[in-house]
Protein backbone atom coordinates (compact mmCIF):
# COMPACT_ATOMS: atom_id res chain seq x y z
CA MET A 1 0.00 0.00 0.00
CA ASN A 2 2.85 2.34 0.89
CA LYS A 3 4.62 1.52 -2.38
CA LEU A 4 1.45 2.19 -4.34
CA TYR A 5 1.07 5.55 -2.58
CA PHE A 6 4.70 6.42 -3.27
CA PHE A 7 4.53 5.58 -6.98
CA THR A 8 1.23 7.41 -7.37
CA LEU A 9 2.71 10.54 -5.76
CA PHE A 10 5.87 10.24 -7.85
CA PHE A 11 4.00 10.00 -11.16
CA LEU A 12 1.66 12.83 -10.12
CA LEU A 13 4.56 15.17 -9.33
CA THR A 14 6.39 14.14 -12.50
CA GLY A 15 3.28 14.83 -14.54
CA VAL A 16 2.77 18.25 -12.95
CA SER A 17 6.43 19.14 -13.58
CA THR A 18 6.21 18.03 -17.19
CA LEU A 19 3.01 19.99 -17.66
CA LEU A 20 4.57 23.15 -16.19
CA GLN A 21 7.65 22.77 -18.39
CA ALA A 22 5.44 22.32 -21.45
CA GLN A 23 3.45 25.43 -20.53
CA GLU A 24 6.65 27.43 -20.04
CA THR A 25 7.93 26.23 -23.41
CA ASP A 26 4.66 27.19 -25.10
CA THR A 27 4.74 30.61 -23.42
CA ARG A 28 8.31 31.26 -24.52
CA THR A 29 7.54 30.11 -28.07
CA ALA A 30 4.60 32.50 -28.29
CA SER A 31 6.75 35.29 -26.86
CA ARG A 32 9.49 34.54 -29.38
CA ILE A 33 7.02 34.84 -32.27
CA ARG A 34 5.69 38.18 -31.04
CA LEU A 35 9.15 39.59 -30.39
CA ARG A 36 10.32 38.58 -33.85
CA GLU A 37 7.31 40.27 -35.43
CA HIS A 38 7.97 43.50 -33.52
CA VAL A 39 11.67 43.61 -34.44
CA TYR A 40 11.03 42.91 -38.12
CA ASN A 41 8.41 45.68 -38.24
CA LEU A 42 10.54 48.25 -36.45
CA ALA A 43 13.76 47.41 -38.29
CA SER A 44 12.24 47.13 -41.76
CA ASP A 45 13.70 49.06 -44.69
CA SER A 46 10.38 50.88 -45.10
CA LEU A 47 11.06 52.83 -41.88
CA THR A 48 14.42 54.02 -43.30
CA GLY A 49 16.26 53.87 -39.99
CA ARG A 50 13.70 55.65 -37.72
CA LEU A 51 15.65 58.90 -37.56
CA LEU A 52 14.10 61.54 -35.30
CA GLY A 53 11.64 63.71 -37.20
CA THR A 54 11.34 61.45 -40.28
CA GLU A 55 8.28 59.66 -41.62
CA GLY A 56 9.81 56.30 -40.72
CA ASN A 57 10.21 57.44 -37.13
CA LEU A 58 6.57 58.60 -37.06
CA ILE A 59 5.35 55.25 -38.42
CA ALA A 60 7.39 53.43 -35.74
CA GLY A 61 5.77 55.55 -33.02
CA GLU A 62 2.30 54.81 -34.35
CA TYR A 63 3.12 51.08 -34.45
CA ILE A 64 4.20 51.16 -30.77
CA ALA A 65 1.06 53.08 -29.76
CA GLY A 66 -1.07 50.48 -31.54
CA CYS A 67 0.70 47.70 -29.64
CA PHE A 68 0.13 49.50 -26.34
CA ALA A 69 -3.56 49.80 -27.20
CA ASP A 70 -3.76 46.10 -28.10
CA ALA A 71 -2.14 45.25 -24.76
CA GLY A 72 -4.78 47.33 -22.94
CA LEU A 73 -2.50 50.01 -21.51
CA ASP A 74 -4.00 53.34 -20.48
CA GLU A 75 -2.96 56.55 -22.29
CA TYR A 76 -0.46 58.45 -20.18
CA ASN A 77 -2.64 61.60 -20.03
CA GLY A 78 -6.03 59.97 -20.49
CA THR A 79 -6.37 60.95 -24.14
CA SER A 80 -3.23 59.91 -26.03
CA TYR A 81 -0.11 57.76 -25.92
CA PHE A 82 1.90 60.48 -27.69
CA HIS A 83 4.08 62.93 -25.79
CA TYR A 84 5.29 65.50 -28.32
CA PHE A 85 8.24 67.82 -27.85
CA ASP A 86 10.20 70.26 -30.01
CA VAL A 87 13.82 69.75 -31.00
CA LYS A 88 15.91 72.66 -32.26
CA ILE A 89 18.54 71.80 -34.87
CA PRO A 90 20.81 73.84 -37.18
CA SER A 91 18.89 74.84 -40.31
CA VAL A 92 20.03 74.28 -43.89
CA VAL A 93 17.89 77.19 -45.04
CA PRO A 94 19.76 80.49 -45.54
CA ASP A 95 18.86 83.26 -43.06
CA ILE A 96 17.16 80.71 -40.77
CA PRO A 97 19.87 79.51 -38.34
CA ILE A 98 17.63 77.23 -36.29
CA ALA A 99 14.95 74.76 -37.42
CA VAL A 100 12.45 73.05 -35.17
CA ILE A 101 11.41 69.43 -35.66
CA GLU A 102 8.99 67.41 -33.58
CA GLY A 103 9.97 64.46 -31.45
CA CYS A 104 7.50 62.08 -29.85
CA ASN A 105 7.70 59.72 -26.88
CA VAL A 106 5.09 56.95 -26.79
CA ILE A 107 3.86 56.32 -23.23
CA GLY A 108 1.40 53.79 -21.85
CA ILE A 109 0.31 53.14 -18.27
CA LEU A 110 -0.44 49.96 -16.36
CA PRO A 111 -2.20 51.22 -13.19
CA GLY A 112 -1.15 49.80 -9.85
CA THR A 113 -3.46 47.57 -7.82
CA HIS A 114 -2.36 48.40 -4.24
CA PRO A 115 -4.29 51.21 -2.50
CA VAL A 116 -1.05 52.95 -1.45
CA LEU A 117 1.71 51.65 -3.74
CA LYS A 118 -0.34 52.46 -6.86
CA ASN A 119 0.74 56.09 -6.31
CA GLU A 120 4.37 55.07 -6.90
CA PHE A 121 5.88 54.43 -10.33
CA VAL A 122 8.34 52.09 -12.01
CA VAL A 123 9.35 53.47 -15.42
CA ILE A 124 10.43 50.99 -18.09
CA GLY A 125 11.99 52.72 -21.09
CA ALA A 126 13.46 51.82 -24.47
CA HIS A 127 14.40 54.25 -27.22
CA TYR A 128 12.87 53.47 -30.60
CA ASP A 129 14.70 56.04 -32.76
CA HIS A 130 17.85 55.28 -34.71
CA LEU A 131 20.28 56.86 -37.19
CA GLY A 132 18.30 56.92 -40.43
CA LEU A 133 20.14 56.84 -43.76
CA ALA A 134 23.86 56.97 -44.46
CA ALA A 135 25.22 59.72 -46.66
CA GLY A 136 26.18 57.10 -49.26
CA ARG A 137 26.04 53.37 -49.85
CA ILE A 138 28.04 51.72 -47.10
CA ALA A 139 27.62 47.92 -47.11
CA ASP A 140 26.66 45.76 -50.09
CA GLY A 141 24.74 48.68 -51.54
CA ASP A 142 22.78 49.20 -48.30
CA SER A 143 22.50 52.74 -46.96
CA ILE A 144 19.89 52.14 -44.19
CA TYR A 145 20.81 51.95 -40.53
CA ASN A 146 17.99 49.57 -39.57
CA GLY A 147 18.96 49.41 -35.89
CA ALA A 148 17.61 45.93 -35.13
CA ASP A 149 19.56 45.48 -31.91
CA ASP A 150 19.90 49.22 -31.32
CA ASN A 151 17.15 49.47 -30.37
CA ALA A 152 14.31 47.62 -32.05
CA SER A 153 15.19 44.73 -29.72
CA GLY A 154 14.66 46.85 -26.58
CA THR A 155 11.46 48.37 -27.97
CA ALA A 156 10.10 44.91 -28.84
CA LEU A 157 10.90 43.76 -25.30
CA LEU A 158 9.11 46.84 -23.92
CA ILE A 159 5.98 45.98 -25.93
CA GLU A 160 6.14 42.33 -24.88
CA LEU A 161 6.47 43.23 -21.19
CA ALA A 162 3.43 45.50 -21.46
CA GLY A 163 1.34 42.59 -22.72
CA LEU A 164 2.68 40.06 -20.22
CA LEU A 165 2.21 42.28 -17.17
CA LYS A 166 -1.24 43.43 -18.28
CA GLU A 167 -2.28 39.82 -18.84
CA GLN A 168 -1.40 38.89 -15.27
CA GLY A 169 -3.50 41.76 -13.90
CA GLY A 170 -0.91 44.42 -13.11
CA LEU A 171 1.39 45.03 -10.14
CA SER A 172 1.10 46.85 -6.84
CA ARG A 173 2.95 49.88 -8.21
CA THR A 174 1.96 51.68 -11.38
CA VAL A 175 4.20 50.75 -14.31
CA VAL A 176 4.98 53.38 -16.95
CA PHE A 177 6.02 52.03 -20.36
CA ALA A 178 7.94 54.71 -22.28
CA ALA A 179 9.26 54.36 -25.82
CA PHE A 180 11.67 57.31 -25.99
CA ASP A 181 12.48 59.31 -29.10
CA GLY A 182 15.70 61.22 -29.83
CA GLU A 183 18.06 59.04 -27.77
CA GLU A 184 20.64 58.89 -30.54
CA GLN A 185 20.68 62.71 -30.72
CA GLY A 186 21.44 63.06 -27.01
CA LEU A 187 18.82 61.41 -24.76
CA LEU A 188 16.31 64.06 -25.83
CA GLY A 189 13.09 62.12 -25.22
CA SER A 190 13.97 60.89 -21.73
CA GLU A 191 15.14 64.37 -20.72
CA GLN A 192 11.89 65.91 -21.95
CA PHE A 193 9.92 63.24 -20.10
CA LEU A 194 11.34 64.69 -16.86
CA ILE A 195 11.34 68.34 -17.92
CA ASP A 196 7.59 68.17 -18.60
CA SER A 197 6.99 66.46 -15.23
CA LEU A 198 4.64 63.86 -16.67
CA PHE A 199 4.84 62.01 -13.34
CA PRO A 200 5.97 63.28 -9.91
CA GLN A 201 9.70 62.65 -9.76
CA ASP A 202 9.65 61.98 -6.03
CA ARG A 203 7.27 59.06 -6.64
CA ILE A 204 9.33 57.35 -9.36
CA ARG A 205 10.93 54.52 -7.44
CA ALA A 206 13.11 53.21 -10.28
CA MET A 207 13.76 53.51 -14.00
CA ILE A 208 14.77 50.57 -16.21
CA SER A 209 16.29 51.12 -19.65
CA LEU A 210 16.13 48.24 -22.16
CA ASP A 211 18.84 49.02 -24.69
CA MET A 212 20.41 46.46 -27.05
CA VAL A 213 19.08 43.17 -25.68
CA GLY A 214 19.08 41.03 -28.84
CA TYR A 215 22.48 39.31 -28.84
CA TYR A 216 22.41 36.97 -25.85
CA ARG A 217 23.84 34.01 -27.78
CA ALA A 218 26.85 36.06 -28.88
CA SER A 219 27.52 37.70 -25.51
CA GLY A 220 26.60 34.75 -23.28
CA VAL A 221 25.42 37.07 -20.52
CA LEU A 222 22.59 39.43 -19.64
CA LYS A 223 24.04 42.49 -17.96
CA ILE A 224 22.19 44.55 -15.35
CA LEU A 225 24.06 47.78 -14.68
CA GLY A 226 23.08 50.02 -11.78
CA ALA A 227 22.42 47.39 -9.10
CA GLY A 228 24.18 49.64 -6.59
CA THR A 229 21.51 52.34 -6.93
CA ILE A 230 18.84 50.19 -5.22
CA GLU A 231 19.11 49.03 -1.61
CA ASN A 232 19.50 45.25 -1.25
CA PHE A 233 18.99 44.78 -4.98
CA ARG A 234 20.15 41.15 -4.92
CA GLY A 235 17.07 40.26 -2.91
CA LEU A 236 14.95 41.36 -5.88
CA LEU A 237 16.83 39.32 -8.49
CA PRO A 238 14.88 36.26 -9.73
CA GLN A 239 16.64 32.91 -9.90
CA THR A 240 17.09 31.44 -13.36
CA LYS A 241 18.84 28.56 -15.11
CA ALA A 242 17.97 29.78 -18.59
CA LEU A 243 20.28 32.80 -18.57
CA LYS A 244 23.62 33.84 -17.16
CA ILE A 245 23.04 37.07 -15.24
CA ARG A 246 25.81 39.50 -14.33
CA THR A 247 25.14 42.58 -12.22
CA PHE A 248 27.26 45.73 -12.04
CA PRO A 249 26.95 48.34 -9.28
CA PHE A 250 27.06 51.31 -11.67
CA GLU A 251 27.38 52.35 -15.28
CA ILE A 252 30.97 53.51 -15.69
CA SER A 253 31.74 53.40 -19.42
CA PRO A 254 32.38 56.94 -20.72
CA PHE A 255 31.69 55.81 -24.28
CA THR A 256 28.11 54.58 -23.88
CA ALA A 257 24.99 56.33 -22.65
CA THR A 258 21.38 55.30 -22.40
CA ASP A 259 18.15 56.84 -21.14
CA THR A 260 19.03 56.13 -17.52
CA LYS A 261 21.20 59.26 -17.33
CA PRO A 262 18.50 61.99 -17.07
CA PHE A 263 16.70 59.98 -14.37
CA ALA A 264 19.86 59.36 -12.34
CA ARG A 265 20.74 63.06 -12.52
CA VAL A 266 17.63 63.87 -10.48
CA GLY A 267 18.33 61.11 -7.95
CA ILE A 268 16.14 58.28 -9.31
CA PRO A 269 17.62 54.73 -9.09
CA THR A 270 18.29 53.30 -12.56
CA LEU A 271 19.02 49.96 -14.20
CA HIS A 272 20.41 49.44 -17.69
CA ILE A 273 19.58 45.96 -18.99
CA THR A 274 21.55 44.85 -22.05
CA THR A 275 23.26 41.91 -23.71
CA GLY A 276 26.16 44.21 -24.49
CA SER A 277 27.73 45.59 -27.64
CA ARG A 278 28.40 42.35 -29.52
CA SER A 279 26.02 43.32 -32.32
CA PRO A 280 27.06 45.46 -35.33
CA TYR A 281 25.30 48.44 -33.78
CA HIS A 282 25.46 51.76 -35.61
CA LYS A 283 26.21 49.83 -38.79
CA ALA A 284 24.06 48.85 -41.76
CA GLU A 285 24.63 45.20 -40.82
CA ASP A 286 22.43 45.56 -37.71
CA GLN A 287 19.52 43.72 -39.34
CA ALA A 288 16.49 41.88 -37.95
CA ASP A 289 17.78 38.50 -39.13
CA GLY A 290 20.80 38.84 -36.83
CA ILE A 291 18.78 38.94 -33.60
CA ASP A 292 18.83 35.93 -31.26
CA TYR A 293 15.07 35.56 -30.75
CA ASP A 294 15.32 32.55 -28.43
CA GLY A 295 17.61 34.57 -26.20
CA LEU A 296 15.37 37.62 -26.47
CA ALA A 297 12.36 35.55 -25.37
CA ALA A 298 14.34 34.24 -22.39
CA VAL A 299 15.32 37.82 -21.51
CA ALA A 300 11.65 38.83 -21.69
CA GLY A 301 10.68 36.11 -19.21
CA TYR A 302 13.45 37.10 -16.84
CA VAL A 303 12.82 40.85 -16.97
CA GLN A 304 9.12 40.20 -16.41
CA LYS A 305 9.95 38.48 -13.11
CA LEU A 306 12.37 41.26 -12.14
CA VAL A 307 9.78 43.97 -12.81
CA MET A 308 7.20 41.98 -10.84
CA ALA A 309 9.56 41.95 -7.85
CA MET A 310 10.26 45.67 -8.17
CA GLY A 311 6.61 46.48 -8.67
CA THR A 312 5.38 44.61 -5.60
CA ASP A 313 8.18 44.81 -2.99
CA ALA A 314 7.02 47.44 -0.51
CA SER A 315 10.52 47.77 0.99
CA MET A 316 12.31 48.64 -2.25
CA ALA A 317 14.30 51.82 -1.63
CA PRO A 318 17.11 53.83 -3.23
CA SER A 319 20.60 53.22 -1.91
CA GLY A 320 21.59 56.87 -2.30
CA ASN A 321 24.54 55.86 -4.47
CA TYR A 322 24.82 56.70 -8.18
CA SER A 323 27.31 56.41 -11.00
CA VAL A 324 29.66 59.37 -11.28
CA LEU A 325 28.69 59.42 -14.96
CA HIS A 326 25.17 60.33 -13.95
CA TYR A 327 24.91 62.10 -10.66
CA VAL A 328 27.22 64.02 -8.39
CA PRO A 329 25.60 65.41 -5.22
CA SER A 330 26.73 68.68 -3.67
CA TYR A 331 29.12 66.80 -1.42
CA THR A 332 30.39 63.30 -1.98
CA PHE A 333 33.14 61.01 -0.71
CA SER A 334 34.83 58.16 -2.56
CA TRP A 335 38.16 56.40 -2.56
CA GLY A 336 40.19 54.08 -4.72
CA PRO A 337 43.64 52.73 -5.61
CA ALA A 338 46.32 54.97 -7.09
CA SER A 339 49.72 54.34 -8.61
CA ALA A 340 52.47 56.31 -10.30
CA LEU A 341 55.52 55.66 -12.47
CA GLY A 342 58.21 58.11 -13.39
CA THR A 343 61.65 59.45 -12.57
CA ASN A 344 63.32 61.12 -9.62
CA ARG A 345 66.42 63.28 -9.66
CA PHE A 346 68.57 65.01 -7.08
CA VAL A 347 68.85 68.73 -7.78
CA HIS A 348 71.70 70.49 -5.99
CA THR A 349 70.82 73.47 -3.83
CA ARG A 350 74.37 74.18 -2.67
CA GLY A 351 77.53 73.17 -4.40
CA ALA A 352 77.74 71.47 -7.78
CA LEU A 353 77.02 67.80 -7.16
CA GLU A 354 75.98 66.17 -10.40
CA GLY A 355 72.68 64.26 -10.49
CA LYS A 356 70.95 62.03 -13.03
CA SER A 357 67.42 60.67 -13.25
CA ALA A 358 66.48 57.29 -11.76
CA PHE A 359 63.35 55.18 -11.50
CA TYR A 360 60.37 56.13 -9.30
CA ALA A 361 57.20 54.16 -8.48
CA SER A 362 54.40 54.37 -5.91
CA LEU A 363 51.29 52.45 -4.93
CA GLY A 364 48.56 53.49 -2.52
CA ALA A 365 45.09 54.95 -2.18
CA ASP A 366 43.45 58.30 -2.83
CA PHE A 367 40.47 59.70 -0.95
CA ARG A 368 38.14 62.16 -2.65
CA PHE A 369 35.96 64.84 -1.08
CA LEU A 370 34.18 66.28 -4.13
CA TRP A 371 32.19 69.52 -3.95
CA LYS A 372 29.51 70.05 -6.62
CA GLY A 373 31.45 68.07 -9.18
CA PHE A 374 33.92 70.93 -9.60
CA LEU A 375 36.34 71.19 -6.69
CA GLU A 376 38.02 68.28 -4.92
CA LEU A 377 40.10 67.84 -1.80
CA ASN A 378 42.21 64.75 -2.37
CA PRO A 379 44.31 63.36 0.51
CA GLY A 380 46.12 60.08 0.00
CA ILE A 381 48.68 57.65 1.31
CA ASN A 382 51.35 55.98 -0.82
CA LEU A 383 54.27 53.62 -0.42
CA GLU A 384 57.10 54.87 -2.65
CA TYR A 385 60.24 53.52 -4.21
CA ILE A 386 62.56 56.46 -4.98
CA GLY A 387 65.75 56.09 -6.97
CA ALA A 388 68.59 58.58 -7.37
CA ARG A 389 72.01 58.76 -9.01
CA HIS A 390 74.59 61.32 -7.96
CA ALA A 391 78.27 61.86 -7.30
CA PRO A 392 78.85 61.31 -3.58
CA TYR A 393 81.72 63.83 -3.34
CA PRO A 394 82.93 66.80 -5.34
CA GLY A 395 85.28 65.77 -8.13
CA ILE A 396 84.06 62.15 -8.26
CA SER A 397 82.91 61.15 -11.73
CA PHE A 398 81.00 57.89 -11.03
CA MET A 399 77.32 57.84 -10.11
CA ASN A 400 76.41 56.35 -6.75
CA ARG A 401 73.02 54.58 -7.02
CA ILE A 402 70.66 55.22 -4.12
CA HIS A 403 67.48 53.26 -3.37
CA MET A 404 64.93 54.71 -0.95
CA CYS A 405 61.61 53.49 0.44
CA ALA A 406 59.26 56.08 1.87
CA LEU A 407 55.72 56.65 3.08
CA ASN A 408 54.14 59.65 1.35
CA VAL A 409 51.03 61.53 2.47
CA PRO A 410 49.93 63.99 -0.25
CA PHE A 411 47.13 66.51 0.01
CA SER A 412 45.85 67.81 -3.32
CA LEU A 413 43.35 70.38 -4.52
CA ARG A 414 41.81 69.48 -7.92
CA VAL A 415 39.66 71.50 -10.29
CA TYR A 416 37.54 69.66 -12.93
CA LEU A 417 36.66 71.13 -16.33
CA PRO A 418 33.87 70.65 -17.22
CA GLU A 419 32.17 69.82 -13.94
CA PHE A 420 32.35 66.16 -13.06
CA ASN A 421 28.75 65.28 -13.97
CA LYS A 422 28.46 67.39 -17.14
CA LEU A 423 30.44 65.10 -19.46
CA PRO A 424 31.87 61.60 -18.96
CA VAL A 425 35.28 62.77 -20.23
CA GLY A 426 37.07 65.90 -19.11
CA VAL A 427 40.30 67.43 -17.86
CA TYR A 428 41.49 68.53 -14.47
CA ALA A 429 44.38 70.40 -12.87
CA TRP A 430 45.72 70.11 -9.37
CA ALA A 431 48.19 71.43 -6.84
CA THR A 432 49.74 69.23 -4.15
CA ALA A 433 51.50 69.59 -0.84
CA TYR A 434 53.08 66.42 0.53
CA TYR A 435 54.92 64.98 3.52
CA ARG A 436 57.36 62.09 3.05
CA TYR A 437 58.86 59.85 5.74
CA TYR A 438 61.83 57.71 4.72
CA ILE A 439 61.50 54.15 5.98
CA ALA A 440 64.69 52.70 4.55
CA GLY A 441 67.52 53.51 2.16
CA GLN A 442 70.56 51.91 0.60
CA THR A 443 73.64 53.10 -1.31
CA TYR A 444 76.46 51.21 -3.04
CA ASP A 445 79.15 53.19 -1.23
CA PRO A 446 80.21 51.33 1.98
CA ASP A 447 81.33 54.64 3.50
CA PHE A 448 77.94 56.21 2.74
CA VAL A 449 75.56 54.97 5.48
CA PHE A 450 72.10 56.14 4.45
CA PHE A 451 70.62 57.51 7.67
CA ASP A 452 73.97 58.94 8.76
CA VAL A 453 73.68 61.23 5.75
CA PHE A 454 69.94 61.55 4.97
CA LYS A 455 67.16 63.13 6.96
CA ARG A 456 64.05 61.00 7.52
CA ASN A 457 61.54 63.77 6.86
CA GLU A 458 60.77 65.73 3.72
CA TRP A 459 58.00 68.00 2.50
CA GLY A 460 57.30 69.49 -0.89
CA LEU A 461 54.92 70.90 -3.49
CA GLY A 462 53.60 69.71 -6.82
CA LEU A 463 51.56 70.71 -9.87
CA GLY A 464 49.80 68.53 -12.41
CA PHE A 465 47.09 68.12 -15.01
CA GLY A 466 45.22 65.10 -16.23
CA LEU A 467 42.43 63.48 -18.19
CA ARG A 468 39.44 61.78 -16.59
CA ALA A 469 37.15 59.22 -18.18
CA SER A 470 34.33 58.17 -15.87
CA VAL A 471 35.94 56.82 -12.67
CA PHE A 472 39.39 56.50 -14.27
CA GLN A 473 42.01 59.24 -14.17
CA VAL A 474 45.47 59.59 -15.65
CA GLY A 475 47.63 62.65 -15.06
CA PHE A 476 51.13 64.10 -15.28
CA GLU A 477 52.67 65.64 -12.16
CA THR A 478 55.91 67.34 -11.19
CA ARG A 479 56.87 67.54 -7.53
CA TRP A 480 59.59 69.68 -6.01
CA GLY A 481 61.05 68.85 -2.63
CA MET A 482 61.29 71.90 -0.39
CA THR A 483 63.55 70.22 2.17
CA ASP A 484 67.30 69.64 1.89
CA LEU A 485 67.93 65.90 2.11
CA PHE A 486 71.42 65.73 3.62
CA ARG A 487 71.90 66.22 7.33
CA SER A 488 73.57 69.45 8.34
CA GLY A 489 77.36 69.35 8.18
CA VAL A 490 77.66 65.92 6.56
CA LEU A 491 78.74 67.28 3.19
CA GLN A 492 80.08 70.74 3.84
CA ASP A 493 78.66 73.36 1.45
CA TYR A 494 76.68 70.74 -0.51
CA ASN A 495 73.04 69.66 -0.41
CA VAL A 496 70.29 68.37 -2.69
CA LYS A 497 66.50 68.22 -3.05
CA ASN A 498 64.25 65.79 -4.90
CA ARG A 499 62.51 66.58 -8.16
CA THR A 500 60.03 63.92 -9.28
CA GLN A 501 58.08 63.64 -12.52
CA THR A 502 55.39 60.97 -12.78
CA ILE A 503 52.42 59.65 -14.70
CA ARG A 504 49.70 59.00 -12.11
CA PHE A 505 46.80 56.54 -12.44
CA SER A 506 43.77 56.42 -10.18
CA TYR A 507 40.38 54.73 -9.99
CA PHE A 508 37.52 55.69 -7.68
CA PHE A 509 34.85 53.27 -6.47
């Protein structure tokens, strides 16, 4: 009897599991078919690349609005899905320096179901515009930038999510589906979305950008950038065996930008979901037949679960941390590793001792107190190797090699141009005062005992300039020691100071 009960239960559970797997397979197959249809429509030659202000772009917007209506989404303002805005561009007409064209975001609403949380919003965005036509024929006679991965794939996923979430009855929070226009011309649609205050900014709990999600097979990973902007984000992540998921705390690449940036600038947590840049984006080869539709369907299922978690978790809250590419508060603190390579040389201050350059290197950490993205106080601590070559006595022609190990505590004042959050790439200049304590030293002259000759303490000044790219910085610096290095009376009428020239590298978390 017990065996019969066991086998009955076993076959029942097996049957239920098989049925659920079959249903999941059917669901993904249907999703794949819909996603493929959306991408082929949006990336068709007839839309001529969906450039902002063109007929093809207008047709794409109308297609998206029709899909939102079919899914049963509400119009964002009660009367229309279309959010129009003006874009000023240089005119080709003589005597008319500026022309105005019309951009259009397409926005649908899935109202929340919770009596309180329905007044909060999760914005899901994907830009649907692209680059239009090339100036000439560029690839096999093709002059159309179809933009299948960038970003018909993200727009198709946006439409699919609208249908899936509506079908299940909505979430506790209100979900805003926004197909943004003018992203390729500088995030114009997403910026205007916030400028026009379509929804109260203090009630937008998170913004998700779906940008280039069609090449999972090639990349082998679905990336979620911005996990550090949401408190305890890992608790919201769904478990999956179908996809490899990789999360990143922040967006740090200075060479890519998506519609998350305007939202992060006003302090809204953001996520950028992408399969990366493995596609031939911004090329004529970015065609609908290159998209991995099985992978895109799997991404749709995963993002649906993620949005469900974000739309229902009452404890979801911003972490208060943002990418330096996006948002720099009035006062901020960060730190990171720093290193330098260069040369050091003894410069005589009294007498005529000859000196030559020798190797210099340091490794340590910098600490940043940044004010309004413009002015920075930058203390640090570094362990240094300092080399020097000089004649130990007047009239001696050979160079005595000196090796020194020191602890250096610099204090710098940096100025950023442009301000840190205006552009992802910029320049900076700085001035430094430093204190150096010599830990150890060695010479190759047996009669030249290091600490019998050298002082342990040194201070000096420095000037430098550099280039920043996101959280990375590289700069050139010259430092001048202000302290004589030899002890008084050791070498009568002779003394030297350090002069160091380095290339400095730093990274800030």
